[in-house]
């Protein structure tokens, strides 16, 4: 069967030898321009390439006891958002690429994902549990505008009545409201939108190519008004950088119609720690030492604590103070810890030739 060349990005050129689209350095997502227009103009240009990846399977399995899902899909590797704290950065080392600029600019797309998903869902032994999207890199990063892999995955999940959750820091998620709203009405979908800071100076350096936080809060309102259970993820909380915004972020989440909030103290696994330290030295040299000292107090004296449960919550007095502040803010604004139970009983395996193979 001949290899299917994926849909091209505007202005890109196809490289047959590397099966990669090369994007011109002047190509900047329109959302980036809009998101930064009221801050400091467009972000610095970044030459981006997208390599086609052909995995054998698309569902990643997870057995970690401190996360609420056991399976996920990542349509892409790497992420153009460029968030300095991203815990997924070290995963680029599997491709002998750097967790720094390579992670932000040398991306991998999986256009076969929808077909692979349909085949896996058709297997007789498949057991239904909510499918998580956005657990490693954002499924709605800028290249999704043209590749539309995430949308194609949602179409498969919709057609099979399969429950799903999405975590994103992009307002692009509302593009797929025509899929998500009907699924939510059936108890099949929930969305978490990440908002780290409302300060434009912090946002400009912390998440340089992510949509403006105000646009994310607007997306929360749009999703909530459409009946989609929507949560706000205040993650990560960075001591002496963003922690002073915790109460304000909870307030804004409530005003936007969020069902609930959750937060996670900053994590610095592997190569993320030196990258984050360099970011601090460049943008906050006056408090870099204080920030790292507080992070280490949250992480048992280290830059990172990989232990189950403590890695998500932190430990010690600083972590307890954050939790107390967060609980008080949620009570004040009526955000009780309301979870959502997605239905698994509506699932119908895909029909057609793929189903007959298994």
C-alpha atoms as a PDB file:
ATOM      1  CA  UNK A   1       0.000   0.000   0.000  1.00  0.00           C
ATOM      2  CA  UNK A   2       1.575   3.346  -0.956  1.00  0.00           C
ATOM      3  CA  UNK A   3       2.523   5.716   1.839  1.00  0.00           C
ATOM      4  CA  UNK A   4      -0.015   8.485   2.298  1.00  0.00           C
ATOM      5  CA  UNK A   5       1.573  11.898   2.347  1.00  0.00           C
ATOM      6  CA  UNK A   6      -0.054  13.970   5.114  1.00  0.00           C
ATOM      7  CA  UNK A   7      -1.765  17.265   4.588  1.00  0.00           C
ATOM      8  CA  UNK A   8       0.823  20.034   4.205  1.00  0.00           C
ATOM      9  CA  UNK A   9       1.217  23.061   6.406  1.00  0.00           C
ATOM     10  CA  UNK A  10       0.791  26.360   4.605  1.00  0.00           C
ATOM     11  CA  UNK A  11       4.084  27.551   3.140  1.00  0.00           C
ATOM     12  CA  UNK A  12       5.864  24.274   3.893  1.00  0.00           C
ATOM     13  CA  UNK A  13       7.929  22.161   1.515  1.00  0.00           C
ATOM     14  CA  UNK A  14       7.860  18.352   1.493  1.00  0.00           C
ATOM     15  CA  UNK A  15      11.179  16.556   1.868  1.00  0.00           C
ATOM     16  CA  UNK A  16      10.795  13.066   0.375  1.00  0.00           C
ATOM     17  CA  UNK A  17      14.043  11.692   1.798  1.00  0.00           C
ATOM     18  CA  UNK A  18      13.279  12.582   5.413  1.00  0.00           C
ATOM     19  CA  UNK A  19       9.465  12.337   5.121  1.00  0.00           C
ATOM     20  CA  UNK A  20       9.408  15.729   6.750  1.00  0.00           C
ATOM     21  CA  UNK A  21       7.763  19.045   6.125  1.00  0.00           C
ATOM     22  CA  UNK A  22      10.158  21.970   6.426  1.00  0.00           C
ATOM     23  CA  UNK A  23       8.407  25.109   7.599  1.00  0.00           C
ATOM     24  CA  UNK A  24       9.766  28.521   6.640  1.00  0.00           C
ATOM     25  CA  UNK A  25      11.144  30.573   9.487  1.00  0.00           C
ATOM     26  CA  UNK A  26       8.608  33.306   8.829  1.00  0.00           C
ATOM     27  CA  UNK A  27       5.699  30.923   9.352  1.00  0.00           C
ATOM     28  CA  UNK A  28       4.038  31.895  12.631  1.00  0.00           C
ATOM     29  CA  UNK A  29       0.646  30.632  13.723  1.00  0.00           C
ATOM     30  CA  UNK A  30      -1.976  33.355  13.531  1.00  0.00           C
ATOM     31  CA  UNK A  31      -3.086  32.411  17.029  1.00  0.00           C
ATOM     32  CA  UNK A  32       0.384  33.222  18.311  1.00  0.00           C
ATOM     33  CA  UNK A  33       0.163  36.685  16.797  1.00  0.00           C
ATOM     34  CA  UNK A  34      -3.277  37.300  18.230  1.00  0.00           C
ATOM     35  CA  UNK A  35      -2.323  35.932  21.632  1.00  0.00           C
ATOM     36  CA  UNK A  36       0.690  38.177  21.985  1.00  0.00           C
ATOM     37  CA  UNK A  37      -0.656  41.290  20.268  1.00  0.00           C
ATOM     38  CA  UNK A  38      -1.564  42.900  23.569  1.00  0.00           C
ATOM     39  CA  UNK A  39       1.687  41.907  25.258  1.00  0.00           C
ATOM     40  CA  UNK A  40       4.768  42.535  23.193  1.00  0.00           C
ATOM     41  CA  UNK A  41       4.019  41.764  19.563  1.00  0.00           C
ATOM     42  CA  UNK A  42       4.712  38.404  17.954  1.00  0.00           C
ATOM     43  CA  UNK A  43       7.019  35.838  19.580  1.00  0.00           C
ATOM     44  CA  UNK A  44      10.495  35.421  18.133  1.00  0.00           C
ATOM     45  CA  UNK A  45      10.406  33.415  14.880  1.00  0.00           C
ATOM     46  CA  UNK A  46      11.352  29.785  15.198  1.00  0.00           C
ATOM     47  CA  UNK A  47      12.121  27.526  12.237  1.00  0.00           C
ATOM     48  CA  UNK A  48       9.944  24.443  12.685  1.00  0.00           C
ATOM     49  CA  UNK A  49      10.066  21.047  10.999  1.00  0.00           C
ATOM     50  CA  UNK A  50       7.527  18.254  11.252  1.00  0.00           C
ATOM     51  CA  UNK A  51       8.571  14.640  10.739  1.00  0.00           C
ATOM     52  CA  UNK A  52       5.994  11.988   9.912  1.00  0.00           C
ATOM     53  CA  UNK A  53       6.051   9.143  12.424  1.00  0.00           C
ATOM     54  CA  UNK A  54       4.501   5.731  11.795  1.00  0.00           C
ATOM     55  CA  UNK A  55       4.004   3.953  15.144  1.00  0.00           C
ATOM     56  CA  UNK A  56       2.654   0.415  15.292  1.00  0.00           C
ATOM     57  CA  UNK A  57       0.125   1.262  17.995  1.00  0.00           C
ATOM     58  CA  UNK A  58      -1.324   4.547  19.217  1.00  0.00           C
ATOM     59  CA  UNK A  59      -2.733   3.865  22.695  1.00  0.00           C
ATOM     60  CA  UNK A  60      -0.150   4.341  25.456  1.00  0.00           C
ATOM     61  CA  UNK A  61      -0.815   2.387  28.637  1.00  0.00           C
ATOM     62  CA  UNK A  62      -0.140   3.778  32.098  1.00  0.00           C
ATOM     63  CA  UNK A  63       0.005   2.042  35.478  1.00  0.00           C
ATOM     64  CA  UNK A  64       0.971   5.007  37.680  1.00  0.00           C
ATOM     65  CA  UNK A  65      -1.225   5.000  40.813  1.00  0.00           C
ATOM     66  CA  UNK A  66      -1.306   8.795  41.153  1.00  0.00           C
ATOM     67  CA  UNK A  67      -2.888   9.721  37.817  1.00  0.00           C
ATOM     68  CA  UNK A  68      -6.533   9.325  36.920  1.00  0.00           C
ATOM     69  CA  UNK A  69      -6.201   7.496  33.606  1.00  0.00           C
ATOM     70  CA  UNK A  70      -4.745   4.232  32.400  1.00  0.00           C
ATOM     71  CA  UNK A  71      -4.542   4.974  28.655  1.00  0.00           C
ATOM     72  CA  UNK A  72      -3.754   7.965  26.511  1.00  0.00           C
ATOM     73  CA  UNK A  73      -3.061   9.115  22.962  1.00  0.00           C
ATOM     74  CA  UNK A  74      -0.412  11.603  21.905  1.00  0.00           C
ATOM     75  CA  UNK A  75      -0.932  12.705  18.289  1.00  0.00           C
ATOM     76  CA  UNK A  76       2.372  14.605  18.318  1.00  0.00           C
ATOM     77  CA  UNK A  77       5.838  14.570  19.865  1.00  0.00           C
ATOM     78  CA  UNK A  78       7.360  17.879  20.849  1.00  0.00           C
ATOM     79  CA  UNK A  79       5.350  21.055  21.299  1.00  0.00           C
ATOM     80  CA  UNK A  80       5.542  24.494  19.734  1.00  0.00           C
ATOM     81  CA  UNK A  81       4.158  26.200  22.825  1.00  0.00           C
ATOM     82  CA  UNK A  82       7.682  26.256  24.258  1.00  0.00           C
ATOM     83  CA  UNK A  83       6.707  26.150  27.955  1.00  0.00           C
ATOM     84  CA  UNK A  84       9.992  26.119  29.835  1.00  0.00           C
ATOM     85  CA  UNK A  85       8.655  23.884  32.625  1.00  0.00           C
ATOM     86  CA  UNK A  86       7.245  21.144  30.355  1.00  0.00           C
ATOM     87  CA  UNK A  87       7.928  17.749  31.931  1.00  0.00           C
ATOM     88  CA  UNK A  88       7.687  16.109  28.474  1.00  0.00           C
ATOM     89  CA  UNK A  89      10.872  17.757  27.213  1.00  0.00           C
ATOM     90  CA  UNK A  90      13.179  14.835  28.144  1.00  0.00           C
ATOM     91  CA  UNK A  91      11.164  12.515  25.875  1.00  0.00           C
ATOM     92  CA  UNK A  92      12.903  14.048  22.852  1.00  0.00           C
ATOM     93  CA  UNK A  93      16.086  12.312  23.946  1.00  0.00           C
ATOM     94  CA  UNK A  94      14.634   9.079  22.517  1.00  0.00           C
ATOM     95  CA  UNK A  95      15.188  10.655  19.102  1.00  0.00           C
ATOM     96  CA  UNK A  96      18.687  11.898  19.980  1.00  0.00           C
ATOM     97  CA  UNK A  97      17.294  15.444  20.020  1.00  0.00           C
ATOM     98  CA  UNK A  98      17.676  18.119  22.657  1.00  0.00           C
ATOM     99  CA  UNK A  99      14.954  18.834  25.234  1.00  0.00           C
ATOM    100  CA  UNK A 100      15.477  22.542  24.523  1.00  0.00           C
ATOM    101  CA  UNK A 101      14.876  24.123  21.129  1.00  0.00           C
ATOM    102  CA  UNK A 102      14.630  20.746  19.375  1.00  0.00           C
ATOM    103  CA  UNK A 103      11.612  19.909  21.534  1.00  0.00           C
ATOM    104  CA  UNK A 104       9.951  23.163  20.432  1.00  0.00           C
ATOM    105  CA  UNK A 105      10.921  23.113  16.773  1.00  0.00           C
ATOM    106  CA  UNK A 106      11.626  19.545  15.602  1.00  0.00           C
ATOM    107  CA  UNK A 107       8.208  18.003  15.918  1.00  0.00           C
ATOM    108  CA  UNK A 108       6.752  14.597  15.060  1.00  0.00           C
ATOM    109  CA  UNK A 109       3.229  14.011  13.786  1.00  0.00           C
ATOM    110  CA  UNK A 110       1.324  10.713  13.659  1.00  0.00           C
ATOM    111  CA  UNK A 111      -1.184  10.972  10.790  1.00  0.00           C
ATOM    112  CA  UNK A 112      -1.904   7.219  11.022  1.00  0.00           C
ATOM    113  CA  UNK A 113      -3.271   7.694  14.557  1.00  0.00           C
ATOM    114  CA  UNK A 114      -7.004   7.593  13.681  1.00  0.00           C
ATOM    115  CA  UNK A 115      -6.657   4.359  11.673  1.00  0.00           C
ATOM    116  CA  UNK A 116      -4.504   2.769  14.370  1.00  0.00           C
ATOM    117  CA  UNK A 117      -7.022   3.781  17.032  1.00  0.00           C
ATOM    118  CA  UNK A 118      -9.912   2.327  15.080  1.00  0.00           C
ATOM    119  CA  UNK A 119      -8.036  -0.969  14.720  1.00  0.00           C
ATOM    120  CA  UNK A 120      -7.206  -1.139  18.436  1.00  0.00           C
ATOM    121  CA  UNK A 121     -10.777  -0.354  19.477  1.00  0.00           C
ATOM    122  CA  UNK A 122     -12.007  -3.128  17.178  1.00  0.00           C
ATOM    123  CA  UNK A 123     -10.102  -5.852  19.024  1.00  0.00           C
ATOM    124  CA  UNK A 124     -12.384  -8.262  20.870  1.00  0.00           C
ATOM    125  CA  UNK A 125     -10.370  -8.081  24.069  1.00  0.00           C
ATOM    126  CA  UNK A 126     -10.493  -4.280  24.257  1.00  0.00           C
ATOM    127  CA  UNK A 127     -11.898  -3.025  27.582  1.00  0.00           C
ATOM    128  CA  UNK A 128     -13.276   0.490  27.710  1.00  0.00           C
ATOM    129  CA  UNK A 129     -11.888   3.191  30.000  1.00  0.00           C
ATOM    130  CA  UNK A 130     -11.725   6.968  29.376  1.00  0.00           C
ATOM    131  CA  UNK A 131      -9.105   7.901  26.795  1.00  0.00           C
ATOM    132  CA  UNK A 132      -6.867  10.811  27.836  1.00  0.00           C
ATOM    133  CA  UNK A 133      -5.498  13.288  25.286  1.00  0.00           C
ATOM    134  CA  UNK A 134      -2.888  15.885  26.221  1.00  0.00           C
ATOM    135  CA  UNK A 135      -1.069  13.901  28.871  1.00  0.00           C
ATOM    136  CA  UNK A 136       2.384  14.395  27.342  1.00  0.00           C
ATOM    137  CA  UNK A 137       2.345  17.127  24.690  1.00  0.00           C
ATOM    138  CA  UNK A 138      -0.559  19.380  23.855  1.00  0.00           C
ATOM    139  CA  UNK A 139      -2.999  17.915  21.297  1.00  0.00           C
ATOM    140  CA  UNK A 140      -3.997  21.466  20.282  1.00  0.00           C
ATOM    141  CA  UNK A 141      -0.629  23.009  19.616  1.00  0.00           C
ATOM    142  CA  UNK A 142      -0.366  25.291  16.571  1.00  0.00           C
ATOM    143  CA  UNK A 143       0.387  22.588  13.969  1.00  0.00           C
ATOM    144  CA  UNK A 144      -2.974  20.949  14.733  1.00  0.00           C
ATOM    145  CA  UNK A 145      -4.487  23.782  12.702  1.00  0.00           C
ATOM    146  CA  UNK A 146      -3.287  22.083   9.524  1.00  0.00           C
ATOM    147  CA  UNK A 147      -2.648  18.469  10.454  1.00  0.00           C
ATOM    148  CA  UNK A 148      -6.014  17.980  12.250  1.00  0.00           C
ATOM    149  CA  UNK A 149      -4.902  14.668  13.742  1.00  0.00           C
ATOM    150  CA  UNK A 150      -6.522  15.403  17.089  1.00  0.00           C
ATOM    151  CA  UNK A 151      -9.836  16.143  15.411  1.00  0.00           C
ATOM    152  CA  UNK A 152      -9.667  12.895  13.442  1.00  0.00           C
ATOM    153  CA  UNK A 153      -9.054  10.994  16.684  1.00  0.00           C
ATOM    154  CA  UNK A 154     -12.063  12.683  18.263  1.00  0.00           C
ATOM    155  CA  UNK A 155     -14.173  11.610  15.305  1.00  0.00           C
ATOM    156  CA  UNK A 156     -13.232   7.961  15.886  1.00  0.00           C
ATOM    157  CA  UNK A 157     -14.041   8.256  19.611  1.00  0.00           C
ATOM    158  CA  UNK A 158     -17.341   9.973  18.818  1.00  0.00           C
ATOM    159  CA  UNK A 159     -18.358   7.324  16.288  1.00  0.00           C
ATOM    160  CA  UNK A 160     -17.647   4.532  18.786  1.00  0.00           C
ATOM    161  CA  UNK A 161     -19.188   6.356  21.790  1.00  0.00           C
ATOM    162  CA  UNK A 162     -15.862   6.094  23.611  1.00  0.00           C
ATOM    163  CA  UNK A 163     -15.338   8.334  26.694  1.00  0.00           C
ATOM    164  CA  UNK A 164     -12.475  10.843  26.585  1.00  0.00           C
ATOM    165  CA  UNK A 165     -10.720  13.579  28.514  1.00  0.00           C
ATOM    166  CA  UNK A 166      -8.642  16.413  27.062  1.00  0.00           C
ATOM    167  CA  UNK A 167      -5.993  18.538  28.747  1.00  0.00           C
ATOM    168  CA  UNK A 168      -4.803  21.587  26.821  1.00  0.00           C
ATOM    169  CA  UNK A 169      -3.559  25.128  27.189  1.00  0.00           C
ATOM    170  CA  UNK A 170      -4.998  26.173  23.838  1.00  0.00           C
ATOM    171  CA  UNK A 171      -8.316  27.803  23.006  1.00  0.00           C
ATOM    172  CA  UNK A 172      -8.203  25.835  19.741  1.00  0.00           C
ATOM    173  CA  UNK A 173     -10.161  23.142  21.565  1.00  0.00           C
ATOM    174  CA  UNK A 174     -13.389  25.086  20.920  1.00  0.00           C
ATOM    175  CA  UNK A 175     -12.933  24.366  17.216  1.00  0.00           C
ATOM    176  CA  UNK A 176     -14.095  20.832  17.987  1.00  0.00           C
ATOM    177  CA  UNK A 177     -17.107  21.849  20.025  1.00  0.00           C
ATOM    178  CA  UNK A 178     -19.361  20.266  17.406  1.00  0.00           C
ATOM    179  CA  UNK A 179     -17.910  16.913  18.492  1.00  0.00           C
ATOM    180  CA  UNK A 180     -17.350  17.564  22.196  1.00  0.00           C
ATOM    181  CA  UNK A 181     -20.725  19.081  23.106  1.00  0.00           C
ATOM    182  CA  UNK A 182     -22.843  16.143  21.871  1.00  0.00           C
ATOM    183  CA  UNK A 183     -20.412  13.710  23.502  1.00  0.00           C
ATOM    184  CA  UNK A 184     -20.601  15.634  26.781  1.00  0.00           C
ATOM    185  CA  UNK A 185     -24.402  15.475  26.642  1.00  0.00           C
ATOM    186  CA  UNK A 186     -24.034  11.684  26.589  1.00  0.00           C
ATOM    187  CA  UNK A 187     -21.563  11.709  29.489  1.00  0.00           C
ATOM    188  CA  UNK A 188     -18.621  10.919  27.242  1.00  0.00           C
ATOM    189  CA  UNK A 189     -16.337  13.992  27.382  1.00  0.00           C
ATOM    190  CA  UNK A 190     -14.611  16.375  29.790  1.00  0.00           C
ATOM    191  CA  UNK A 191     -11.951  19.041  29.219  1.00  0.00           C
ATOM    192  CA  UNK A 192      -9.268  20.597  31.428  1.00  0.00           C
ATOM    193  CA  UNK A 193      -7.761  23.912  30.321  1.00  0.00           C
ATOM    194  CA  UNK A 194      -4.378  24.858  31.783  1.00  0.00           C
ATOM    195  CA  UNK A 195      -3.901  28.451  32.961  1.00  0.00           C
ATOM    196  CA  UNK A 196      -0.600  29.140  34.695  1.00  0.00           C
ATOM    197  CA  UNK A 197      -0.446  32.924  35.005  1.00  0.00           C
ATOM    198  CA  UNK A 198      -2.524  35.964  34.076  1.00  0.00           C
ATOM    199  CA  UNK A 199       0.499  38.279  34.158  1.00  0.00           C
ATOM    200  CA  UNK A 200       1.434  39.127  30.535  1.00  0.00           C
ATOM    201  CA  UNK A 201       5.141  39.531  31.317  1.00  0.00           C
ATOM    202  CA  UNK A 202       5.317  36.134  33.000  1.00  0.00           C
ATOM    203  CA  UNK A 203       3.227  34.488  30.281  1.00  0.00           C
ATOM    204  CA  UNK A 204       5.411  35.939  27.531  1.00  0.00           C
ATOM    205  CA  UNK A 205       8.529  34.228  28.849  1.00  0.00           C
ATOM    206  CA  UNK A 206       7.076  31.167  30.578  1.00  0.00           C
ATOM    207  CA  UNK A 207       4.853  29.964  27.719  1.00  0.00           C
ATOM    208  CA  UNK A 208       6.060  32.008  24.735  1.00  0.00           C
ATOM    209  CA  UNK A 209       3.944  30.446  21.985  1.00  0.00           C
ATOM    210  CA  UNK A 210       0.864  29.350  23.892  1.00  0.00           C
ATOM    211  CA  UNK A 211      -2.402  31.272  23.475  1.00  0.00           C
ATOM    212  CA  UNK A 212      -2.904  34.192  25.836  1.00  0.00           C
ATOM    213  CA  UNK A 213      -4.387  33.120  29.206  1.00  0.00           C
ATOM    214  CA  UNK A 214      -7.430  35.323  28.631  1.00  0.00           C
ATOM    215  CA  UNK A 215      -8.195  33.340  25.493  1.00  0.00           C
ATOM    216  CA  UNK A 216      -7.964  30.127  27.466  1.00  0.00           C
ATOM    217  CA  UNK A 217     -10.428  31.450  30.048  1.00  0.00           C
ATOM    218  CA  UNK A 218     -12.725  32.481  27.208  1.00  0.00           C
ATOM    219  CA  UNK A 219     -12.498  28.889  25.958  1.00  0.00           C
ATOM    220  CA  UNK A 220     -13.499  27.651  29.414  1.00  0.00           C
ATOM    221  CA  UNK A 221     -16.600  29.856  29.243  1.00  0.00           C
ATOM    222  CA  UNK A 222     -17.466  28.653  25.726  1.00  0.00           C
ATOM    223  CA  UNK A 223     -17.058  24.991  26.673  1.00  0.00           C
ATOM    224  CA  UNK A 224     -18.998  25.360  29.910  1.00  0.00           C
ATOM    225  CA  UNK A 225     -21.838  27.222  28.195  1.00  0.00           C
ATOM    226  CA  UNK A 226     -22.048  24.372  25.677  1.00  0.00           C
ATOM    227  CA  UNK A 227     -22.479  21.853  28.495  1.00  0.00           C
ATOM    228  CA  UNK A 228     -18.996  20.362  28.439  1.00  0.00           C
ATOM    229  CA  UNK A 229     -17.687  19.592  31.969  1.00  0.00           C
ATOM    230  CA  UNK A 230     -14.687  21.924  32.060  1.00  0.00           C
ATOM    231  CA  UNK A 231     -11.926  22.242  34.627  1.00  0.00           C
ATOM    232  CA  UNK A 232      -9.060  24.672  35.080  1.00  0.00           C
ATOM    233  CA  UNK A 233      -5.622  23.232  35.707  1.00  0.00           C
ATOM    234  CA  UNK A 234      -3.384  25.681  37.556  1.00  0.00           C
ATOM    235  CA  UNK A 235      -0.238  23.834  36.660  1.00  0.00           C
ATOM    236  CA  UNK A 236       2.464  24.337  37.412  1.00  0.00           C
ATOM    237  CA  UNK A 237       2.486  26.680  40.386  1.00  0.00           C
ATOM    238  CA  UNK A 238       5.988  28.195  40.585  1.00  0.00           C
ATOM    239  CA  UNK A 239       7.072  29.596  43.965  1.00  0.00           C
ATOM    240  CA  UNK A 240       7.924  33.319  43.949  1.00  0.00           C
ATOM    241  CA  UNK A 241       6.938  33.508  40.240  1.00  0.00           C
ATOM    242  CA  UNK A 242       3.261  32.554  39.933  1.00  0.00           C
ATOM    243  CA  UNK A 243       2.155  31.338  43.376  1.00  0.00           C
ATOM    244  CA  UNK A 244       0.872  34.811  44.319  1.00  0.00           C
ATOM    245  CA  UNK A 245      -1.774  34.400  41.589  1.00  0.00           C
ATOM    246  CA  UNK A 246      -3.289  31.218  43.003  1.00  0.00           C
ATOM    247  CA  UNK A 247      -6.385  32.832  44.529  1.00  0.00           C
ATOM    248  CA  UNK A 248      -6.946  35.102  41.531  1.00  0.00           C
ATOM    249  CA  UNK A 249      -6.730  32.170  39.125  1.00  0.00           C
ATOM    250  CA  UNK A 250      -9.329  30.255  41.148  1.00  0.00           C
ATOM    251  CA  UNK A 251     -11.593  33.314  41.089  1.00  0.00           C
ATOM    252  CA  UNK A 252     -11.248  33.735  37.333  1.00  0.00           C
ATOM    253  CA  UNK A 253     -11.870  30.028  36.769  1.00  0.00           C
ATOM    254  CA  UNK A 254     -15.107  30.251  38.742  1.00  0.00           C
ATOM    255  CA  UNK A 255     -16.208  33.342  36.818  1.00  0.00           C
ATOM    256  CA  UNK A 256     -15.507  31.517  33.539  1.00  0.00           C
ATOM    257  CA  UNK A 257     -17.821  28.672  34.520  1.00  0.00           C
ATOM    258  CA  UNK A 258     -15.280  25.992  35.431  1.00  0.00           C
ATOM    259  CA  UNK A 259     -16.689  22.981  37.224  1.00  0.00           C
ATOM    260  CA  UNK A 260     -13.638  22.790  39.509  1.00  0.00           C
ATOM    261  CA  UNK A 261      -9.885  23.509  39.682  1.00  0.00           C
ATOM    262  CA  UNK A 262      -6.772  21.607  40.569  1.00  0.00           C
ATOM    263  CA  UNK A 263      -3.124  22.627  40.891  1.00  0.00           C
ATOM    264  CA  UNK A 264       0.293  20.968  40.729  1.00  0.00           C
ATOM    265  CA  UNK A 265       3.543  22.456  42.080  1.00  0.00           C
ATOM    266  CA  UNK A 266       6.253  22.784  39.446  1.00  0.00           C
ATOM    267  CA  UNK A 267       8.107  19.585  38.548  1.00  0.00           C
ATOM    268  CA  UNK A 268      11.656  19.583  37.154  1.00  0.00           C
ATOM    269  CA  UNK A 269      12.497  16.058  35.967  1.00  0.00           C
ATOM    270  CA  UNK A 270      15.791  15.223  34.288  1.00  0.00           C
ATOM    271  CA  UNK A 271      16.912  17.851  31.743  1.00  0.00           C
ATOM    272  CA  UNK A 272      14.071  20.207  32.650  1.00  0.00           C
ATOM    273  CA  UNK A 273      15.891  21.326  35.815  1.00  0.00           C
ATOM    274  CA  UNK A 274      18.958  22.902  34.099  1.00  0.00           C
ATOM    275  CA  UNK A 275      16.728  24.458  31.436  1.00  0.00           C
ATOM    276  CA  UNK A 276      14.527  25.982  34.132  1.00  0.00           C
ATOM    277  CA  UNK A 277      17.549  27.253  36.062  1.00  0.00           C
ATOM    278  CA  UNK A 278      18.857  28.962  32.924  1.00  0.00           C
ATOM    279  CA  UNK A 279      15.414  30.519  32.396  1.00  0.00           C
ATOM    280  CA  UNK A 280      15.451  31.851  35.952  1.00  0.00           C
ATOM    281  CA  UNK A 281      18.919  33.327  35.509  1.00  0.00           C
ATOM    282  CA  UNK A 282      17.809  35.061  32.307  1.00  0.00           C
ATOM    283  CA  UNK A 283      14.451  36.427  33.453  1.00  0.00           C
ATOM    284  CA  UNK A 284      14.449  36.480  37.269  1.00  0.00           C
ATOM    285  CA  UNK A 285      18.080  36.722  38.430  1.00  0.00           C
ATOM    286  CA  UNK A 286      16.988  38.700  41.478  1.00  0.00           C
ATOM    287  CA  UNK A 287      15.094  35.724  42.915  1.00  0.00           C
ATOM    288  CA  UNK A 288      16.536  32.656  41.186  1.00  0.00           C
ATOM    289  CA  UNK A 289      18.109  31.351  44.382  1.00  0.00           C
ATOM    290  CA  UNK A 290      14.911  31.803  46.375  1.00  0.00           C
ATOM    291  CA  UNK A 291      12.820  30.061  43.736  1.00  0.00           C
ATOM    292  CA  UNK A 292      15.070  27.005  43.601  1.00  0.00           C
ATOM    293  CA  UNK A 293      15.388  26.827  47.385  1.00  0.00           C
ATOM    294  CA  UNK A 294      11.613  26.790  47.719  1.00  0.00           C
ATOM    295  CA  UNK A 295      11.227  24.186  44.973  1.00  0.00           C
ATOM    296  CA  UNK A 296      13.761  21.975  46.729  1.00  0.00           C
ATOM    297  CA  UNK A 297      11.849  22.341  50.003  1.00  0.00           C
ATOM    298  CA  UNK A 298       8.759  21.120  48.117  1.00  0.00           C
ATOM    299  CA  UNK A 299      10.697  18.238  46.612  1.00  0.00           C
ATOM    300  CA  UNK A 300      12.456  16.720  49.605  1.00  0.00           C
ATOM    301  CA  UNK A 301      15.687  18.679  49.142  1.00  0.00           C
ATOM    302  CA  UNK A 302      16.041  17.903  45.426  1.00  0.00           C
ATOM    303  CA  UNK A 303      15.156  19.694  42.206  1.00  0.00           C
ATOM    304  CA  UNK A 304      12.629  16.950  41.494  1.00  0.00           C
ATOM    305  CA  UNK A 305      10.783  14.307  43.456  1.00  0.00           C
ATOM    306  CA  UNK A 306       9.739  11.368  41.218  1.00  0.00           C
ATOM    307  CA  UNK A 307       7.818   9.580  43.988  1.00  0.00           C
ATOM    308  CA  UNK A 308       4.216   8.652  43.354  1.00  0.00           C
ATOM    309  CA  UNK A 309       1.684  11.042  44.941  1.00  0.00           C
ATOM    310  CA  UNK A 310       4.315  13.430  46.346  1.00  0.00           C
ATOM    311  CA  UNK A 311       5.429  14.361  42.820  1.00  0.00           C
ATOM    312  CA  UNK A 312       1.944  15.768  42.139  1.00  0.00           C
ATOM    313  CA  UNK A 313       1.366  17.365  45.537  1.00  0.00           C
ATOM    314  CA  UNK A 314       4.749  18.358  46.927  1.00  0.00           C
ATOM    315  CA  UNK A 315       5.702  17.972  50.569  1.00  0.00           C
ATOM    316  CA  UNK A 316       6.620  20.097  53.557  1.00  0.00           C
ATOM    317  CA  UNK A 317       5.279  23.435  54.850  1.00  0.00           C
ATOM    318  CA  UNK A 318       5.303  25.213  51.473  1.00  0.00           C
ATOM    319  CA  UNK A 319       3.176  22.475  49.908  1.00  0.00           C
ATOM    320  CA  UNK A 320       0.770  22.514  52.833  1.00  0.00           C
ATOM    321  CA  UNK A 321       0.465  26.295  52.622  1.00  0.00           C
ATOM    322  CA  UNK A 322      -0.401  26.071  48.915  1.00  0.00           C
ATOM    323  CA  UNK A 323      -3.020  23.416  49.582  1.00  0.00           C
ATOM    324  CA  UNK A 324      -4.587  25.476  52.369  1.00  0.00           C
ATOM    325  CA  UNK A 325      -4.717  28.627  50.256  1.00  0.00           C
ATOM    326  CA  UNK A 326      -6.176  26.656  47.365  1.00  0.00           C
ATOM    327  CA  UNK A 327      -8.909  25.031  49.475  1.00  0.00           C
ATOM    328  CA  UNK A 328      -9.935  28.359  50.979  1.00  0.00           C
ATOM    329  CA  UNK A 329     -10.068  30.020  47.549  1.00  0.00           C
ATOM    330  CA  UNK A 330     -12.174  27.200  46.107  1.00  0.00           C
ATOM    331  CA  UNK A 331     -14.659  27.392  48.992  1.00  0.00           C
ATOM    332  CA  UNK A 332     -14.862  31.164  48.679  1.00  0.00           C
ATOM    333  CA  UNK A 333     -15.752  30.944  44.991  1.00  0.00           C
ATOM    334  CA  UNK A 334     -18.001  27.916  45.165  1.00  0.00           C
ATOM    335  CA  UNK A 335     -15.679  25.505  43.396  1.00  0.00           C
ATOM    336  CA  UNK A 336     -16.217  22.301  45.293  1.00  0.00           C
ATOM    337  CA  UNK A 337     -14.155  19.335  44.181  1.00  0.00           C
ATOM    338  CA  UNK A 338     -16.683  17.958  41.713  1.00  0.00           C
ATOM    339  CA  UNK A 339     -15.358  15.162  39.599  1.00  0.00           C
ATOM    340  CA  UNK A 340     -17.054  13.722  36.554  1.00  0.00           C
ATOM    341  CA  UNK A 341     -17.841  10.088  35.871  1.00  0.00           C
ATOM    342  CA  UNK A 342     -17.727   9.306  32.178  1.00  0.00           C
ATOM    343  CA  UNK A 343     -19.874   6.538  30.771  1.00  0.00           C
ATOM    344  CA  UNK A 344     -18.227   3.400  29.415  1.00  0.00           C
ATOM    345  CA  UNK A 345     -21.408   1.444  28.741  1.00  0.00           C
ATOM    346  CA  UNK A 346     -22.235   3.197  25.468  1.00  0.00           C
ATOM    347  CA  UNK A 347     -19.153   1.963  23.606  1.00  0.00           C
ATOM    348  CA  UNK A 348     -19.711   0.299  20.256  1.00  0.00           C
ATOM    349  CA  UNK A 349     -16.676  -1.256  18.493  1.00  0.00           C
ATOM    350  CA  UNK A 350     -15.878   0.075  15.046  1.00  0.00           C
ATOM    351  CA  UNK A 351     -17.669  -1.723  12.254  1.00  0.00           C
ATOM    352  CA  UNK A 352     -16.149  -2.684   8.922  1.00  0.00           C
ATOM    353  CA  UNK A 353     -13.165  -4.608   7.608  1.00  0.00           C
ATOM    354  CA  UNK A 354     -10.894  -3.737  10.555  1.00  0.00           C
ATOM    355  CA  UNK A 355     -13.314  -5.270  13.031  1.00  0.00           C
ATOM    356  CA  UNK A 356     -13.359  -8.512  11.067  1.00  0.00           C
ATOM    357  CA  UNK A 357      -9.581  -8.903  11.452  1.00  0.00           C
ATOM    358  CA  UNK A 358      -9.646  -9.373  15.209  1.00  0.00           C
END
